[in-house]
PDB file of N, CA and C in Angstrom:
ATOM      1  N   UNK A   1     -22.545 -10.704  25.897  1.00  0.00           N
ATOM      2  CA  UNK A   1     -23.105 -11.787  25.051  1.00  0.00           C
ATOM      3  C   UNK A   1     -24.160 -11.121  24.493  1.00  0.00           C
ATOM      4  N   UNK A   2     -24.352 -10.996  23.127  1.00  0.00           N
ATOM      5  CA  UNK A   2     -25.632 -10.413  22.364  1.00  0.00           C
ATOM      6  C   UNK A   2     -26.786 -11.875  22.116  1.00  0.00           C
ATOM      7  N   UNK A   3     -27.759 -11.511  22.402  1.00  0.00           N
ATOM      8  CA  UNK A   3     -29.027 -11.927  23.286  1.00  0.00           C
ATOM      9  C   UNK A   3     -29.865 -12.336  21.893  1.00  0.00           C
ATOM     10  N   UNK A   4     -30.085 -11.288  21.023  1.00  0.00           N
ATOM     11  CA  UNK A   4     -30.899 -11.295  20.011  1.00  0.00           C
ATOM     12  C   UNK A   4     -30.442 -12.022  18.857  1.00  0.00           C
ATOM     13  N   UNK A   5     -31.121 -12.352  17.914  1.00  0.00           N
ATOM     14  CA  UNK A   5     -30.886 -13.032  16.684  1.00  0.00           C
ATOM     15  C   UNK A   5     -29.730 -12.580  16.347  1.00  0.00           C
ATOM     16  N   UNK A   6     -30.304 -10.892  15.367  1.00  0.00           N
ATOM     17  CA  UNK A   6     -29.926  -9.949  14.671  1.00  0.00           C
ATOM     18  C   UNK A   6     -28.396  -9.815  15.106  1.00  0.00           C
ATOM     19  N   UNK A   7     -28.286  -9.262  16.875  1.00  0.00           N
ATOM     20  CA  UNK A   7     -26.852  -9.068  17.163  1.00  0.00           C
ATOM     21  C   UNK A   7     -26.030 -10.473  16.979  1.00  0.00           C
ATOM     22  N   UNK A   8     -26.638 -11.732  17.150  1.00  0.00           N
ATOM     23  CA  UNK A   8     -25.834 -12.968  16.793  1.00  0.00           C
ATOM     24  C   UNK A   8     -24.741 -12.552  15.838  1.00  0.00           C
ATOM     25  N   UNK A   9     -25.937 -12.319  14.649  1.00  0.00           N
ATOM     26  CA  UNK A   9     -25.535 -12.487  13.384  1.00  0.00           C
ATOM     27  C   UNK A   9     -24.528 -11.019  13.204  1.00  0.00           C
ATOM     28  N   UNK A  10     -24.678 -10.125  13.795  1.00  0.00           N
ATOM     29  CA  UNK A  10     -23.831  -9.223  13.783  1.00  0.00           C
ATOM     30  C   UNK A  10     -22.113  -9.327  14.005  1.00  0.00           C
ATOM     31  N   UNK A  11     -22.375 -10.068  14.926  1.00  0.00           N
ATOM     32  CA  UNK A  11     -21.233 -10.688  15.532  1.00  0.00           C
ATOM     33  C   UNK A  11     -20.317 -11.903  14.777  1.00  0.00           C
ATOM     34  N   UNK A  12     -21.567 -12.575  14.642  1.00  0.00           N
ATOM     35  CA  UNK A  12     -20.831 -13.488  13.114  1.00  0.00           C
ATOM     36  C   UNK A  12     -19.836 -12.717  11.970  1.00  0.00           C
ATOM     37  N   UNK A  13     -20.828 -11.423  11.718  1.00  0.00           N
ATOM     38  CA  UNK A  13     -20.178 -10.922  10.445  1.00  0.00           C
ATOM     39  C   UNK A  13     -18.915 -10.090  10.567  1.00  0.00           C
ATOM     40  N   UNK A  14     -19.215  -9.581  11.882  1.00  0.00           N
ATOM     41  CA  UNK A  14     -17.991  -8.743  12.328  1.00  0.00           C
ATOM     42  C   UNK A  14     -16.846  -9.785  12.342  1.00  0.00           C
ATOM     43  N   UNK A  15     -17.132 -10.605  13.014  1.00  0.00           N
ATOM     44  CA  UNK A  15     -15.473 -11.286  12.927  1.00  0.00           C
ATOM     45  C   UNK A  15     -14.931 -11.486  11.965  1.00  0.00           C
ATOM     46  N   UNK A  16     -15.774 -11.992  10.382  1.00  0.00           N
ATOM     47  CA  UNK A  16     -15.242 -12.455   9.192  1.00  0.00           C
ATOM     48  C   UNK A  16     -14.599 -11.328   9.035  1.00  0.00           C
ATOM     49  N   UNK A  17     -15.352 -10.116   8.503  1.00  0.00           N
ATOM     50  CA  UNK A  17     -15.096  -8.846   8.272  1.00  0.00           C
ATOM     51  C   UNK A  17     -13.406  -8.281   8.928  1.00  0.00           C
ATOM     52  N   UNK A  18     -13.446  -8.882  10.236  1.00  0.00           N
ATOM     53  CA  UNK A  18     -12.084  -8.601  11.256  1.00  0.00           C
ATOM     54  C   UNK A  18     -11.263  -9.213  10.242  1.00  0.00           C
ATOM     55  N   UNK A  19     -11.095 -10.711  10.540  1.00  0.00           N
ATOM     56  CA  UNK A  19     -10.271 -11.419   9.613  1.00  0.00           C
ATOM     57  C   UNK A  19     -10.089 -10.877   8.651  1.00  0.00           C
ATOM     58  N   UNK A  20     -10.719 -10.806   7.577  1.00  0.00           N
ATOM     59  CA  UNK A  20     -10.331 -10.239   6.004  1.00  0.00           C
ATOM     60  C   UNK A  20      -9.875  -9.212   5.879  1.00  0.00           C
ATOM     61  N   UNK A  21     -10.487  -8.063   6.574  1.00  0.00           N
ATOM     62  CA  UNK A  21      -9.166  -6.988   7.064  1.00  0.00           C
ATOM     63  C   UNK A  21      -7.930  -6.880   7.690  1.00  0.00           C
ATOM     64  N   UNK A  22      -7.913  -7.430   8.270  1.00  0.00           N
ATOM     65  CA  UNK A  22      -6.493  -7.976   8.685  1.00  0.00           C
ATOM     66  C   UNK A  22      -5.800  -8.850   8.189  1.00  0.00           C
ATOM     67  N   UNK A  23      -6.303  -9.320   7.178  1.00  0.00           N
ATOM     68  CA  UNK A  23      -5.091 -10.353   5.994  1.00  0.00           C
ATOM     69  C   UNK A  23      -5.235  -8.892   5.183  1.00  0.00           C
ATOM     70  N   UNK A  24      -6.072  -8.279   4.464  1.00  0.00           N
ATOM     71  CA  UNK A  24      -5.983  -7.027   3.296  1.00  0.00           C
ATOM     72  C   UNK A  24      -4.465  -6.148   4.030  1.00  0.00           C
ATOM     73  N   UNK A  25      -4.628  -6.284   5.185  1.00  0.00           N
ATOM     74  CA  UNK A  25      -3.816  -4.891   6.013  1.00  0.00           C
ATOM     75  C   UNK A  25      -2.440  -5.686   5.888  1.00  0.00           C
ATOM     76  N   UNK A  26      -2.095  -6.845   6.375  1.00  0.00           N
ATOM     77  CA  UNK A  26      -1.075  -8.101   6.000  1.00  0.00           C
ATOM     78  C   UNK A  26      -0.323  -7.753   4.978  1.00  0.00           C
ATOM     79  N   UNK A  27      -1.130  -7.960   3.781  1.00  0.00           N
ATOM     80  CA  UNK A  27      -0.538  -7.945   2.767  1.00  0.00           C
ATOM     81  C   UNK A  27      -0.227  -6.340   1.950  1.00  0.00           C
ATOM     82  N   UNK A  28      -0.513  -5.926   2.409  1.00  0.00           N
ATOM     83  CA  UNK A  28      -0.231  -4.237   2.293  1.00  0.00           C
ATOM     84  C   UNK A  28       0.795  -3.917   3.057  1.00  0.00           C
ATOM     85  N   UNK A  29       0.884  -4.473   4.405  1.00  0.00           N
ATOM     86  CA  UNK A  29       2.367  -4.339   4.959  1.00  0.00           C
ATOM     87  C   UNK A  29       3.523  -5.286   4.271  1.00  0.00           C
ATOM     88  N   UNK A  30       3.441  -6.720   3.689  1.00  0.00           N
ATOM     89  CA  UNK A  30       4.108  -7.191   3.683  1.00  0.00           C
ATOM     90  C   UNK A  30       5.047  -6.133   1.720  1.00  0.00           C
ATOM     91  N   UNK A  31       4.141  -5.951   1.255  1.00  0.00           N
ATOM     92  CA  UNK A  31       4.114  -5.093   0.303  1.00  0.00           C
ATOM     93  C   UNK A  31       5.074  -4.420   0.129  1.00  0.00           C
ATOM     94  N   UNK A  32       4.985  -2.980   1.249  1.00  0.00           N
ATOM     95  CA  UNK A  32       5.428  -2.135   1.191  1.00  0.00           C
ATOM     96  C   UNK A  32       6.907  -2.462   1.986  1.00  0.00           C
ATOM     97  N   UNK A  33       6.597  -3.335   2.762  1.00  0.00           N
ATOM     98  CA  UNK A  33       8.259  -3.923   3.021  1.00  0.00           C
ATOM     99  C   UNK A  33       9.175  -4.214   2.145  1.00  0.00           C
ATOM    100  N   UNK A  34       8.308  -4.881   1.038  1.00  0.00           N
ATOM    101  CA  UNK A  34       9.445  -5.338  -0.254  1.00  0.00           C
ATOM    102  C   UNK A  34       9.605  -3.919  -1.059  1.00  0.00           C
ATOM    103  N   UNK A  35       9.041  -3.015  -0.856  1.00  0.00           N
ATOM    104  CA  UNK A  35       9.369  -2.221  -1.461  1.00  0.00           C
ATOM    105  C   UNK A  35      10.371  -1.323  -0.758  1.00  0.00           C
ATOM    106  N   UNK A  36      10.301  -1.200   0.353  1.00  0.00           N
ATOM    107  CA  UNK A  36      11.381  -0.315   1.662  1.00  0.00           C
ATOM    108  C   UNK A  36      12.899  -1.626   1.197  1.00  0.00           C
ATOM    109  N   UNK A  37      12.626  -2.629   1.013  1.00  0.00           N
ATOM    110  CA  UNK A  37      14.464  -3.314   0.902  1.00  0.00           C
ATOM    111  C   UNK A  37      14.631  -3.606  -0.354  1.00  0.00           C
ATOM    112  N   UNK A  38      14.014  -3.123  -1.780  1.00  0.00           N
ATOM    113  CA  UNK A  38      13.792  -2.727  -2.803  1.00  0.00           C
ATOM    114  C   UNK A  38      14.637  -1.412  -3.196  1.00  0.00           C
ATOM    115  N   UNK A  39      14.173  -0.233  -2.356  1.00  0.00           N
ATOM    116  CA  UNK A  39      14.857   1.091  -2.312  1.00  0.00           C
ATOM    117  C   UNK A  39      15.979   0.696  -1.809  1.00  0.00           C
ATOM    118  N   UNK A  40      15.797   0.785  -0.064  1.00  0.00           N
ATOM    119  CA  UNK A  40      17.159   0.540   0.180  1.00  0.00           C
ATOM    120  C   UNK A  40      18.393  -0.314  -0.842  1.00  0.00           C
ATOM    121  N   UNK A  41      18.178  -1.591  -1.228  1.00  0.00           N
ATOM    122  CA  UNK A  41      19.197  -2.112  -2.305  1.00  0.00           C
ATOM    123  C   UNK A  41      19.799  -1.608  -3.493  1.00  0.00           C
ATOM    124  N   UNK A  42      18.532  -0.257  -3.436  1.00  0.00           N
ATOM    125  CA  UNK A  42      18.663   0.567  -4.911  1.00  0.00           C
ATOM    126  C   UNK A  42      18.440  -0.464  -6.668  1.00  0.00           C
ATOM    127  N   UNK A  43      17.546  -1.565  -5.897  1.00  0.00           N
ATOM    128  CA  UNK A  43      17.043  -2.032  -7.267  1.00  0.00           C
ATOM    129  C   UNK A  43      15.964  -1.091  -7.888  1.00  0.00           C
ATOM    130  N   UNK A  44      16.284  -0.036  -8.894  1.00  0.00           N
ATOM    131  CA  UNK A  44      15.367   0.706  -9.364  1.00  0.00           C
ATOM    132  C   UNK A  44      14.128   0.496 -10.263  1.00  0.00           C
ATOM    133  N   UNK A  45      14.417  -1.069 -10.819  1.00  0.00           N
ATOM    134  CA  UNK A  45      13.160  -1.356 -11.611  1.00  0.00           C
ATOM    135  C   UNK A  45      12.189  -2.116 -10.913  1.00  0.00           C
ATOM    136  N   UNK A  46      12.733  -2.595  -9.752  1.00  0.00           N
ATOM    137  CA  UNK A  46      11.890  -3.585  -8.709  1.00  0.00           C
ATOM    138  C   UNK A  46      11.059  -2.403  -7.819  1.00  0.00           C
ATOM    139  N   UNK A  47      11.752  -1.501  -7.772  1.00  0.00           N
ATOM    140  CA  UNK A  47      11.176  -0.211  -6.503  1.00  0.00           C
ATOM    141  C   UNK A  47      10.162   0.292  -7.530  1.00  0.00           C
ATOM    142  N   UNK A  48      10.175   0.518  -8.798  1.00  0.00           N
ATOM    143  CA  UNK A  48       8.972   1.402  -9.605  1.00  0.00           C
ATOM    144  C   UNK A  48       7.719   0.644  -9.542  1.00  0.00           C
ATOM    145  N   UNK A  49       8.115  -1.337  -9.877  1.00  0.00           N
ATOM    146  CA  UNK A  49       6.535  -2.018  -9.942  1.00  0.00           C
ATOM    147  C   UNK A  49       6.462  -1.885  -8.968  1.00  0.00           C
ATOM    148  N   UNK A  50       6.928  -2.471  -7.686  1.00  0.00           N
ATOM    149  CA  UNK A  50       7.008  -2.802  -5.877  1.00  0.00           C
ATOM    150  C   UNK A  50       5.629  -1.084  -5.891  1.00  0.00           C
ATOM    151  N   UNK A  51       6.293  -0.164  -6.605  1.00  0.00           N
ATOM    152  CA  UNK A  51       5.521   1.280  -5.803  1.00  0.00           C
ATOM    153  C   UNK A  51       4.363   1.381  -6.780  1.00  0.00           C
ATOM    154  N   UNK A  52       3.961   0.673  -8.153  1.00  0.00           N
ATOM    155  CA  UNK A  52       2.870   0.389  -8.305  1.00  0.00           C
ATOM    156  C   UNK A  52       1.713  -0.331  -7.827  1.00  0.00           C
ATOM    157  N   UNK A  53       2.430  -1.651  -7.390  1.00  0.00           N
ATOM    158  CA  UNK A  53       1.356  -2.116  -6.636  1.00  0.00           C
ATOM    159  C   UNK A  53       1.067  -1.711  -5.528  1.00  0.00           C
ATOM    160  N   UNK A  54       1.822  -1.289  -4.461  1.00  0.00           N
ATOM    161  CA  UNK A  54       1.264  -0.822  -3.232  1.00  0.00           C
ATOM    162  C   UNK A  54       0.277   0.097  -3.332  1.00  0.00           C
ATOM    163  N   UNK A  55       0.675   1.067  -4.393  1.00  0.00           N
ATOM    164  CA  UNK A  55       0.035   2.331  -4.159  1.00  0.00           C
ATOM    165  C   UNK A  55      -1.507   1.359  -4.802  1.00  0.00           C
ATOM    166  N   UNK A  56      -1.574   0.394  -5.916  1.00  0.00           N
ATOM    167  CA  UNK A  56      -2.978  -0.332  -6.262  1.00  0.00           C
ATOM    168  C   UNK A  56      -3.721  -0.860  -4.916  1.00  0.00           C
ATOM    169  N   UNK A  57      -2.795  -1.109  -3.807  1.00  0.00           N
ATOM    170  CA  UNK A  57      -3.581  -1.856  -3.021  1.00  0.00           C
ATOM    171  C   UNK A  57      -4.071  -0.773  -1.641  1.00  0.00           C
ATOM    172  N   UNK A  58      -3.441   0.298  -1.658  1.00  0.00           N
ATOM    173  CA  UNK A  58      -3.871   1.430  -0.620  1.00  0.00           C
ATOM    174  C   UNK A  58      -4.949   2.015  -1.186  1.00  0.00           C
ATOM    175  N   UNK A  59      -5.171   1.951  -2.838  1.00  0.00           N
ATOM    176  CA  UNK A  59      -6.418   2.616  -3.564  1.00  0.00           C
ATOM    177  C   UNK A  59      -7.572   1.411  -2.839  1.00  0.00           C
ATOM    178  N   UNK A  60      -7.145   0.225  -2.963  1.00  0.00           N
ATOM    179  CA  UNK A  60      -8.253  -1.000  -2.871  1.00  0.00           C
ATOM    180  C   UNK A  60      -8.616  -0.677  -1.704  1.00  0.00           C
ATOM    181  N   UNK A  61      -7.550  -0.594  -0.422  1.00  0.00           N
ATOM    182  CA  UNK A  61      -8.317  -0.458   1.184  1.00  0.00           C
ATOM    183  C   UNK A  61      -8.970   0.875   1.284  1.00  0.00           C
ATOM    184  N   UNK A  62      -8.875   1.710   0.456  1.00  0.00           N
ATOM    185  CA  UNK A  62      -9.451   2.909   0.194  1.00  0.00           C
ATOM    186  C   UNK A  62     -11.042   3.025  -0.014  1.00  0.00           C
ATOM    187  N   UNK A  63     -11.058   2.253  -0.924  1.00  0.00           N
ATOM    188  CA  UNK A  63     -12.337   1.825  -1.980  1.00  0.00           C
ATOM    189  C   UNK A  63     -12.879   0.530  -1.009  1.00  0.00           C
ATOM    190  N   UNK A  64     -12.699   0.215   0.088  1.00  0.00           N
ATOM    191  CA  UNK A  64     -13.194  -1.003   0.709  1.00  0.00           C
ATOM    192  C   UNK A  64     -13.632  -0.725   2.469  1.00  0.00           C
ATOM    193  N   UNK A  65     -13.062   0.550   2.124  1.00  0.00           N
ATOM    194  CA  UNK A  65     -13.264   1.615   3.671  1.00  0.00           C
ATOM    195  C   UNK A  65     -12.390   0.978   4.864  1.00  0.00           C
ATOM    196  N   UNK A  66     -11.573   0.256   4.502  1.00  0.00           N
ATOM    197  CA  UNK A  66     -10.089  -0.281   5.209  1.00  0.00           C
ATOM    198  C   UNK A  66      -9.069   0.932   5.791  1.00  0.00           C
ATOM    199  N   UNK A  67      -8.849   1.557   5.120  1.00  0.00           N
ATOM    200  CA  UNK A  67      -8.064   2.614   4.944  1.00  0.00           C
ATOM    201  C   UNK A  67      -9.067   4.063   5.272  1.00  0.00           C
ATOM    202  N   UNK A  68      -8.416   5.415   5.730  1.00  0.00           N
ATOM    203  CA  UNK A  68      -8.890   6.937   5.045  1.00  0.00           C
ATOM    204  C   UNK A  68      -8.593   6.879   3.879  1.00  0.00           C
ATOM    205  N   UNK A  69      -8.626   7.827   3.653  1.00  0.00           N
ATOM    206  CA  UNK A  69      -7.993   8.640   1.834  1.00  0.00           C
ATOM    207  C   UNK A  69      -6.697   8.979   2.145  1.00  0.00           C
ATOM    208  N   UNK A  70      -6.509  10.096   3.563  1.00  0.00           N
ATOM    209  CA  UNK A  70      -5.794  11.113   3.709  1.00  0.00           C
ATOM    210  C   UNK A  70      -4.571   9.831   4.291  1.00  0.00           C
ATOM    211  N   UNK A  71      -4.568   8.965   4.991  1.00  0.00           N
ATOM    212  CA  UNK A  71      -4.038   8.173   5.376  1.00  0.00           C
ATOM    213  C   UNK A  71      -3.123   7.610   4.113  1.00  0.00           C
ATOM    214  N   UNK A  72      -4.331   6.739   3.391  1.00  0.00           N
ATOM    215  CA  UNK A  72      -3.210   6.091   1.833  1.00  0.00           C
ATOM    216  C   UNK A  72      -2.879   6.809   1.192  1.00  0.00           C
ATOM    217  N   UNK A  73      -3.158   8.396   1.318  1.00  0.00           N
ATOM    218  CA  UNK A  73      -2.508   9.511   0.674  1.00  0.00           C
ATOM    219  C   UNK A  73      -1.368  10.003   0.800  1.00  0.00           C
ATOM    220  N   UNK A  74      -1.162   9.553   2.270  1.00  0.00           N
ATOM    221  CA  UNK A  74       0.025  10.290   3.194  1.00  0.00           C
ATOM    222  C   UNK A  74       1.162   8.892   2.832  1.00  0.00           C
ATOM    223  N   UNK A  75       0.732   8.025   3.110  1.00  0.00           N
ATOM    224  CA  UNK A  75       1.721   6.660   2.944  1.00  0.00           C
ATOM    225  C   UNK A  75       1.970   6.759   1.434  1.00  0.00           C
ATOM    226  N   UNK A  76       1.032   6.574   0.146  1.00  0.00           N
ATOM    227  CA  UNK A  76       1.630   6.519  -0.576  1.00  0.00           C
ATOM    228  C   UNK A  76       2.450   7.843  -1.284  1.00  0.00           C
ATOM    229  N   UNK A  77       2.364   9.126  -0.971  1.00  0.00           N
ATOM    230  CA  UNK A  77       2.873   9.880  -0.914  1.00  0.00           C
ATOM    231  C   UNK A  77       4.735   9.845  -0.245  1.00  0.00           C
ATOM    232  N   UNK A  78       4.699   9.410   0.750  1.00  0.00           N
ATOM    233  CA  UNK A  78       6.219   9.117   1.546  1.00  0.00           C
ATOM    234  C   UNK A  78       6.991   7.658   0.761  1.00  0.00           C
ATOM    235  N   UNK A  79       6.316   6.583   0.253  1.00  0.00           N
ATOM    236  CA  UNK A  79       6.565   6.225  -0.423  1.00  0.00           C
ATOM    237  C   UNK A  79       7.185   6.371  -2.045  1.00  0.00           C
ATOM    238  N   UNK A  80       6.087   7.103  -2.462  1.00  0.00           N
ATOM    239  CA  UNK A  80       6.420   7.499  -4.174  1.00  0.00           C
ATOM    240  C   UNK A  80       7.850   8.428  -3.696  1.00  0.00           C
ATOM    241  N   UNK A  81       7.730   8.882  -2.743  1.00  0.00           N
ATOM    242  CA  UNK A  81       9.006  10.452  -2.679  1.00  0.00           C
ATOM    243  C   UNK A  81      10.428   9.190  -2.497  1.00  0.00           C
ATOM    244  N   UNK A  82      10.541   8.301  -1.930  1.00  0.00           N
ATOM    245  CA  UNK A  82      11.486   7.161  -1.688  1.00  0.00           C
ATOM    246  C   UNK A  82      12.316   6.806  -3.034  1.00  0.00           C
ATOM    247  N   UNK A  83      10.418   6.116  -3.783  1.00  0.00           N
ATOM    248  CA  UNK A  83      10.863   5.490  -4.861  1.00  0.00           C
ATOM    249  C   UNK A  83      11.476   6.776  -5.934  1.00  0.00           C
ATOM    250  N   UNK A  84      11.333   8.199  -6.122  1.00  0.00           N
ATOM    251  CA  UNK A  84      11.897   9.131  -7.033  1.00  0.00           C
ATOM    252  C   UNK A  84      13.005   9.735  -6.367  1.00  0.00           C
ATOM    253  N   UNK A  85      13.305   9.291  -5.455  1.00  0.00           N
ATOM    254  CA  UNK A  85      14.952   9.999  -4.710  1.00  0.00           C
ATOM    255  C   UNK A  85      15.743   8.679  -5.456  1.00  0.00           C
ATOM    256  N   UNK A  86      15.347   7.670  -5.153  1.00  0.00           N
ATOM    257  CA  UNK A  86      16.162   6.384  -5.745  1.00  0.00           C
ATOM    258  C   UNK A  86      16.240   6.483  -7.322  1.00  0.00           C
ATOM    259  N   UNK A  87      15.039   6.666  -8.017  1.00  0.00           N
ATOM    260  CA  UNK A  87      15.459   7.108  -9.513  1.00  0.00           C
ATOM    261  C   UNK A  87      16.041   8.052  -9.788  1.00  0.00           C
ATOM    262  N   UNK A  88      15.676   9.008  -8.946  1.00  0.00           N
ATOM    263  CA  UNK A  88      16.600  10.374  -9.756  1.00  0.00           C
ATOM    264  C   UNK A  88      17.915  10.747  -9.568  1.00  0.00           C
ATOM    265  N   UNK A  89      18.695   9.685  -8.848  1.00  0.00           N
ATOM    266  CA  UNK A  89      20.013   9.568  -8.248  1.00  0.00           C
ATOM    267  C   UNK A  89      20.624   8.692  -9.899  1.00  0.00           C
ATOM    268  N   UNK A  90      19.584   7.747 -10.310  1.00  0.00           N
ATOM    269  CA  UNK A  90      19.819   6.835 -11.572  1.00  0.00           C
ATOM    270  C   UNK A  90      19.952   8.238 -12.809  1.00  0.00           C
ATOM    271  N   UNK A  91      18.892   8.835 -13.102  1.00  0.00           N
ATOM    272  CA  UNK A  91      18.502   9.889 -13.812  1.00  0.00           C
ATOM    273  C   UNK A  91      19.619  10.344 -14.257  1.00  0.00           C
ATOM    274  N   UNK A  92      20.169  11.216 -13.384  1.00  0.00           N
ATOM    275  CA  UNK A  92      21.567  11.952 -13.529  1.00  0.00           C
ATOM    276  C   UNK A  92      22.309  11.509 -14.245  1.00  0.00           C
ATOM    277  N   UNK A  93      22.462   9.955 -14.034  1.00  0.00           N
ATOM    278  CA  UNK A  93      23.251   9.373 -15.064  1.00  0.00           C
ATOM    279  C   UNK A  93      23.087   9.127 -16.386  1.00  0.00           C
ATOM    280  N   UNK A  94      21.829   8.857 -16.400  1.00  0.00           N
ATOM    281  CA  UNK A  94      20.864   7.755 -17.736  1.00  0.00           C
ATOM    282  C   UNK A  94      19.848   8.664 -18.331  1.00  0.00           C
ATOM    283  N   UNK A  95      19.621   9.929 -17.560  1.00  0.00           N
ATOM    284  CA  UNK A  95      18.271  10.325 -18.388  1.00  0.00           C
ATOM    285  C   UNK A  95      17.009   9.861 -17.903  1.00  0.00           C
ATOM    286  N   UNK A  96      16.672   8.581 -17.124  1.00  0.00           N
ATOM    287  CA  UNK A  96      15.425   8.013 -16.461  1.00  0.00           C
ATOM    288  C   UNK A  96      14.156   8.964 -16.148  1.00  0.00           C
ATOM    289  N   UNK A  97      13.209   9.183 -16.653  1.00  0.00           N
ATOM    290  CA  UNK A  97      11.927   9.366 -15.313  1.00  0.00           C
ATOM    291  C   UNK A  97      11.840   9.251 -14.314  1.00  0.00           C
ATOM    292  N   UNK A  98      11.179  10.228 -13.657  1.00  0.00           N
ATOM    293  CA  UNK A  98      10.516   9.710 -12.482  1.00  0.00           C
ATOM    294  C   UNK A  98       9.200   9.233 -12.368  1.00  0.00           C
ATOM    295  N   UNK A  99       9.046   8.235 -11.221  1.00  0.00           N
ATOM    296  CA  UNK A  99       7.753   7.777 -11.274  1.00  0.00           C
ATOM    297  C   UNK A  99       6.163   9.111 -11.460  1.00  0.00           C
ATOM    298  N   UNK A 100       6.562  10.094 -11.084  1.00  0.00           N
ATOM    299  CA  UNK A 100       5.464  10.485 -11.243  1.00  0.00           C
ATOM    300  C   UNK A 100       5.649  11.680 -12.708  1.00  0.00           C
ATOM    301  N   UNK A 101       6.486  11.559 -13.132  1.00  0.00           N
ATOM    302  CA  UNK A 101       6.652  11.959 -14.435  1.00  0.00           C
ATOM    303  C   UNK A 101       6.292  11.057 -15.489  1.00  0.00           C
ATOM    304  N   UNK A 102       5.965   9.865 -15.305  1.00  0.00           N
ATOM    305  CA  UNK A 102       5.990   8.967 -15.944  1.00  0.00           C
ATOM    306  C   UNK A 102       4.568   8.298 -15.716  1.00  0.00           C
ATOM    307  N   UNK A 103       3.879   8.894 -14.703  1.00  0.00           N
ATOM    308  CA  UNK A 103       2.211   8.892 -15.003  1.00  0.00           C
ATOM    309  C   UNK A 103       1.931   7.449 -15.118  1.00  0.00           C
TER     310      UNK A 103
END
């Protein structure tokens, strides 16, 4: 148990930060799962839009210090690769651009 006033305040602050971080991570996991389901169902447009959202969330998490930069980069890369494989299968027939080419 903290005894000083400042230690008690840090306990309150840490709890508030922990809950906020947990909520943010939950949001990222939810969107990542939606993206993986869209890829599995071969919904190309949904996959492209969800990838943009998930990448943005990972970048915000890095900025807030919730994720380390390399962890976020690795996750974004893996997700982008899955979406690009999906889009590449469509581009053979239609000539669409992949996410990395579209910028």
